[in-house]
Amino acid sequence: MTLKSIKLPLTEESQLTFRECKLDRKQYAEILETIISNHVDGFVFIEFH
């Protein structure tokens, strides 16, 4: 099974998403974006607590 990857353009609005974030989630979003962009064939992401 192959999934199609869609590249969305970065807009000024998308850059402002984390402007009001008080939990500093931007750093985690960037890490997740890197993981996803490096696995273009897809993967299962499992989080252990």
PDB file of N, CA and C in Angstrom:
ATOM      1  N   MET A   1       0.847  -1.175   0.000  1.00  0.00           N
ATOM      2  CA  MET A   1       0.000   0.000   0.000  1.00  0.00           C
ATOM      3  C   MET A   1       0.888   1.232   0.000  1.00  0.00           C
ATOM      4  N   THR A   2       0.604   2.154  -0.877  1.00  0.00           N
ATOM      5  CA  THR A   2       1.369   3.385  -0.961  1.00  0.00           C
ATOM      6  C   THR A   2       0.448   4.570  -0.705  1.00  0.00           C
ATOM      7  N   LEU A   3       0.877   5.451   0.166  1.00  0.00           N
ATOM      8  CA  LEU A   3       0.108   6.650   0.463  1.00  0.00           C
ATOM      9  C   LEU A   3       0.679   7.830  -0.305  1.00  0.00           C
ATOM     10  N   LYS A   4      -0.178   8.702  -0.728  1.00  0.00           N
ATOM     11  CA  LYS A   4       0.262   9.886  -1.454  1.00  0.00           C
ATOM     12  C   LYS A   4       0.532  11.004  -0.453  1.00  0.00           C
ATOM     13  N   SER A   5       1.676  11.612  -0.562  1.00  0.00           N
ATOM     14  CA  SER A   5       2.062  12.704   0.310  1.00  0.00           C
ATOM     15  C   SER A   5       1.686  14.032  -0.347  1.00  0.00           C
ATOM     16  N   ILE A   6       1.080  14.898   0.421  1.00  0.00           N
ATOM     17  CA  ILE A   6       0.695  16.212  -0.090  1.00  0.00           C
ATOM     18  C   ILE A   6       1.531  17.263   0.631  1.00  0.00           C
ATOM     19  N   LYS A   7       2.202  18.090  -0.142  1.00  0.00           N
ATOM     20  CA  LYS A   7       2.988  19.177   0.440  1.00  0.00           C
ATOM     21  C   LYS A   7       2.118  20.430   0.479  1.00  0.00           C
ATOM     22  N   LEU A   8       1.886  20.947   1.672  1.00  0.00           N
ATOM     23  CA  LEU A   8       1.103  22.157   1.822  1.00  0.00           C
ATOM     24  C   LEU A   8       2.045  23.354   1.903  1.00  0.00           C
ATOM     25  N   PRO A   9       1.719  24.424   1.210  1.00  0.00           N
ATOM     26  CA  PRO A   9       2.579  25.598   1.267  1.00  0.00           C
ATOM     27  C   PRO A   9       2.489  26.274   2.637  1.00  0.00           C
ATOM     28  N   LEU A  10       3.614  26.772   3.120  1.00  0.00           N
ATOM     29  CA  LEU A  10       3.614  27.510   4.373  1.00  0.00           C
ATOM     30  C   LEU A  10       3.126  28.923   4.099  1.00  0.00           C
ATOM     31  N   THR A  11       2.149  29.326   4.850  1.00  0.00           N
ATOM     32  CA  THR A  11       1.614  30.670   4.703  1.00  0.00           C
ATOM     33  C   THR A  11       1.917  31.449   5.974  1.00  0.00           C
ATOM     34  N   GLU A  12       1.719  32.718   5.900  1.00  0.00           N
ATOM     35  CA  GLU A  12       1.948  33.555   7.087  1.00  0.00           C
ATOM     36  C   GLU A  12       1.031  33.117   8.220  1.00  0.00           C
ATOM     37  N   GLU A  13      -0.193  32.735   7.879  1.00  0.00           N
ATOM     38  CA  GLU A  13      -1.145  32.282   8.890  1.00  0.00           C
ATOM     39  C   GLU A  13      -0.658  31.020   9.597  1.00  0.00           C
ATOM     40  N   SER A  14      -0.085  30.078   8.844  1.00  0.00           N
ATOM     41  CA  SER A  14       0.399  28.845   9.461  1.00  0.00           C
ATOM     42  C   SER A  14       1.614  29.108  10.351  1.00  0.00           C
ATOM     43  N   GLN A  15       2.393  30.119  10.041  1.00  0.00           N
ATOM     44  CA  GLN A  15       3.550  30.462  10.874  1.00  0.00           C
ATOM     45  C   GLN A  15       3.106  31.080  12.203  1.00  0.00           C
ATOM     46  N   LEU A  16       1.918  31.695  12.214  1.00  0.00           N
ATOM     47  CA  LEU A  16       1.418  32.354  13.420  1.00  0.00           C
ATOM     48  C   LEU A  16       0.654  31.402  14.341  1.00  0.00           C
ATOM     49  N   THR A  17       0.554  30.142  13.947  1.00  0.00           N
ATOM     50  CA  THR A  17      -0.209  29.163  14.711  1.00  0.00           C
ATOM     51  C   THR A  17       0.252  29.079  16.159  1.00  0.00           C
ATOM     52  N   PHE A  18       1.524  29.147  16.386  1.00  0.00           N
ATOM     53  CA  PHE A  18       2.076  28.975  17.735  1.00  0.00           C
ATOM     54  C   PHE A  18       2.368  30.302  18.431  1.00  0.00           C
ATOM     55  N   ARG A  19       1.963  31.398  17.842  1.00  0.00           N
ATOM     56  CA  ARG A  19       2.265  32.717  18.399  1.00  0.00           C
ATOM     57  C   ARG A  19       1.743  32.872  19.822  1.00  0.00           C
ATOM     58  N   GLU A  20       0.541  32.393  20.088  1.00  0.00           N
ATOM     59  CA  GLU A  20      -0.084  32.559  21.404  1.00  0.00           C
ATOM     60  C   GLU A  20       0.095  31.324  22.300  1.00  0.00           C
ATOM     61  N   CYS A  21       0.840  30.340  21.850  1.00  0.00           N
ATOM     62  CA  CYS A  21       0.993  29.094  22.602  1.00  0.00           C
ATOM     63  C   CYS A  21       1.881  29.306  23.826  1.00  0.00           C
ATOM     64  N   LYS A  22       1.324  29.035  24.982  1.00  0.00           N
ATOM     65  CA  LYS A  22       2.073  29.197  26.227  1.00  0.00           C
ATOM     66  C   LYS A  22       2.718  27.883  26.682  1.00  0.00           C
ATOM     67  N   LEU A  23       2.466  26.797  25.957  1.00  0.00           N
ATOM     68  CA  LEU A  23       3.023  25.489  26.319  1.00  0.00           C
ATOM     69  C   LEU A  23       4.244  25.137  25.483  1.00  0.00           C
ATOM     70  N   ASP A  24       4.688  26.045  24.635  1.00  0.00           N
ATOM     71  CA  ASP A  24       5.881  25.859  23.797  1.00  0.00           C
ATOM     72  C   ASP A  24       5.791  24.586  22.952  1.00  0.00           C
ATOM     73  N   ARG A  25       4.648  24.423  22.266  1.00  0.00           N
ATOM     74  CA  ARG A  25       4.432  23.223  21.454  1.00  0.00           C
ATOM     75  C   ARG A  25       5.106  23.281  20.092  1.00  0.00           C
ATOM     76  N   LYS A  26       5.580  24.441  19.687  1.00  0.00           N
ATOM     77  CA  LYS A  26       6.197  24.567  18.370  1.00  0.00           C
ATOM     78  C   LYS A  26       7.393  23.624  18.220  1.00  0.00           C
ATOM     79  N   GLN A  27       8.203  23.492  19.257  1.00  0.00           N
ATOM     80  CA  GLN A  27       9.379  22.615  19.177  1.00  0.00           C
ATOM     81  C   GLN A  27       8.975  21.172  18.911  1.00  0.00           C
ATOM     82  N   TYR A  28       7.881  20.717  19.512  1.00  0.00           N
ATOM     83  CA  TYR A  28       7.426  19.340  19.303  1.00  0.00           C
ATOM     84  C   TYR A  28       6.809  19.169  17.920  1.00  0.00           C
ATOM     85  N   ALA A  29       6.146  20.191  17.446  1.00  0.00           N
ATOM     86  CA  ALA A  29       5.576  20.147  16.093  1.00  0.00           C
ATOM     87  C   ALA A  29       6.684  20.055  15.055  1.00  0.00           C
ATOM     88  N   GLU A  30       7.770  20.773  15.265  1.00  0.00           N
ATOM     89  CA  GLU A  30       8.895  20.731  14.330  1.00  0.00           C
ATOM     90  C   GLU A  30       9.558  19.355  14.321  1.00  0.00           C
ATOM     91  N   ILE A  31       9.698  18.742  15.495  1.00  0.00           N
ATOM     92  CA  ILE A  31      10.275  17.399  15.582  1.00  0.00           C
ATOM     93  C   ILE A  31       9.374  16.399  14.875  1.00  0.00           C
ATOM     94  N   LEU A  32       8.074  16.473  15.131  1.00  0.00           N
ATOM     95  CA  LEU A  32       7.128  15.572  14.480  1.00  0.00           C
ATOM     96  C   LEU A  32       7.127  15.769  12.966  1.00  0.00           C
ATOM     97  N   GLU A  33       7.216  17.008  12.524  1.00  0.00           N
ATOM     98  CA  GLU A  33       7.281  17.292  11.087  1.00  0.00           C
ATOM     99  C   GLU A  33       8.527  16.660  10.460  1.00  0.00           C
ATOM    100  N   THR A  34       9.653  16.698  11.156  1.00  0.00           N
ATOM    101  CA  THR A  34      10.886  16.086  10.665  1.00  0.00           C
ATOM    102  C   THR A  34      10.741  14.574  10.564  1.00  0.00           C
ATOM    103  N   ILE A  35      10.143  13.964  11.580  1.00  0.00           N
ATOM    104  CA  ILE A  35       9.939  12.510  11.562  1.00  0.00           C
ATOM    105  C   ILE A  35       9.057  12.124  10.384  1.00  0.00           C
ATOM    106  N   ILE A  36       7.967  12.829  10.199  1.00  0.00           N
ATOM    107  CA  ILE A  36       7.029  12.511   9.118  1.00  0.00           C
ATOM    108  C   ILE A  36       7.658  12.733   7.758  1.00  0.00           C
ATOM    109  N   SER A  37       8.403  13.813   7.586  1.00  0.00           N
ATOM    110  CA  SER A  37       9.004  14.096   6.277  1.00  0.00           C
ATOM    111  C   SER A  37      10.110  13.104   5.923  1.00  0.00           C
ATOM    112  N   ASN A  38      10.730  12.460   6.925  1.00  0.00           N
ATOM    113  CA  ASN A  38      11.784  11.479   6.667  1.00  0.00           C
ATOM    114  C   ASN A  38      11.249  10.075   6.411  1.00  0.00           C
ATOM    115  N   HIS A  39       9.966   9.865   6.609  1.00  0.00           N
ATOM    116  CA  HIS A  39       9.353   8.552   6.403  1.00  0.00           C
ATOM    117  C   HIS A  39       8.215   8.682   5.408  1.00  0.00           C
ATOM    118  N   VAL A  40       8.558   8.988   4.161  1.00  0.00           N
ATOM    119  CA  VAL A  40       7.557   9.260   3.136  1.00  0.00           C
ATOM    120  C   VAL A  40       6.731   8.027   2.766  1.00  0.00           C
ATOM    121  N   ASP A  41       7.221   6.826   3.058  1.00  0.00           N
ATOM    122  CA  ASP A  41       6.471   5.611   2.752  1.00  0.00           C
ATOM    123  C   ASP A  41       5.444   5.284   3.829  1.00  0.00           C
ATOM    124  N   GLY A  42       5.452   6.045   4.900  1.00  0.00           N
ATOM    125  CA  GLY A  42       4.504   5.835   5.980  1.00  0.00           C
ATOM    126  C   GLY A  42       5.079   4.990   7.107  1.00  0.00           C
ATOM    127  N   PHE A  43       4.430   5.049   8.257  1.00  0.00           N
ATOM    128  CA  PHE A  43       4.858   4.297   9.426  1.00  0.00           C
ATOM    129  C   PHE A  43       3.749   4.354  10.465  1.00  0.00           C
ATOM    130  N   VAL A  44       3.876   3.568  11.495  1.00  0.00           N
ATOM    131  CA  VAL A  44       2.948   3.609  12.621  1.00  0.00           C
ATOM    132  C   VAL A  44       3.679   4.253  13.782  1.00  0.00           C
ATOM    133  N   PHE A  45       3.088   5.274  14.329  1.00  0.00           N
ATOM    134  CA  PHE A  45       3.694   6.013  15.436  1.00  0.00           C
ATOM    135  C   PHE A  45       3.018   5.572  16.730  1.00  0.00           C
ATOM    136  N   ILE A  46       3.785   4.979  17.632  1.00  0.00           N
ATOM    137  CA  ILE A  46       3.254   4.492  18.897  1.00  0.00           C
ATOM    138  C   ILE A  46       3.942   5.263  20.025  1.00  0.00           C
ATOM    139  N   GLU A  47       3.127   5.801  20.902  1.00  0.00           N
ATOM    140  CA  GLU A  47       3.657   6.550  22.037  1.00  0.00           C
ATOM    141  C   GLU A  47       3.495   5.719  23.301  1.00  0.00           C
ATOM    142  N   PHE A  48       4.580   5.487  24.006  1.00  0.00           N
ATOM    143  CA  PHE A  48       4.551   4.748  25.260  1.00  0.00           C
ATOM    144  C   PHE A  48       4.667   5.727  26.406  1.00  0.00           C
ATOM    145  N   HIS A  49       3.950   5.460  27.458  1.00  0.00           N
ATOM    146  CA  HIS A  49       4.010   6.326  28.645  1.00  0.00           C
ATOM    147  C   HIS A  49       4.724   5.603  29.753  1.00  0.00           C
TER     148      HIS A  49
END
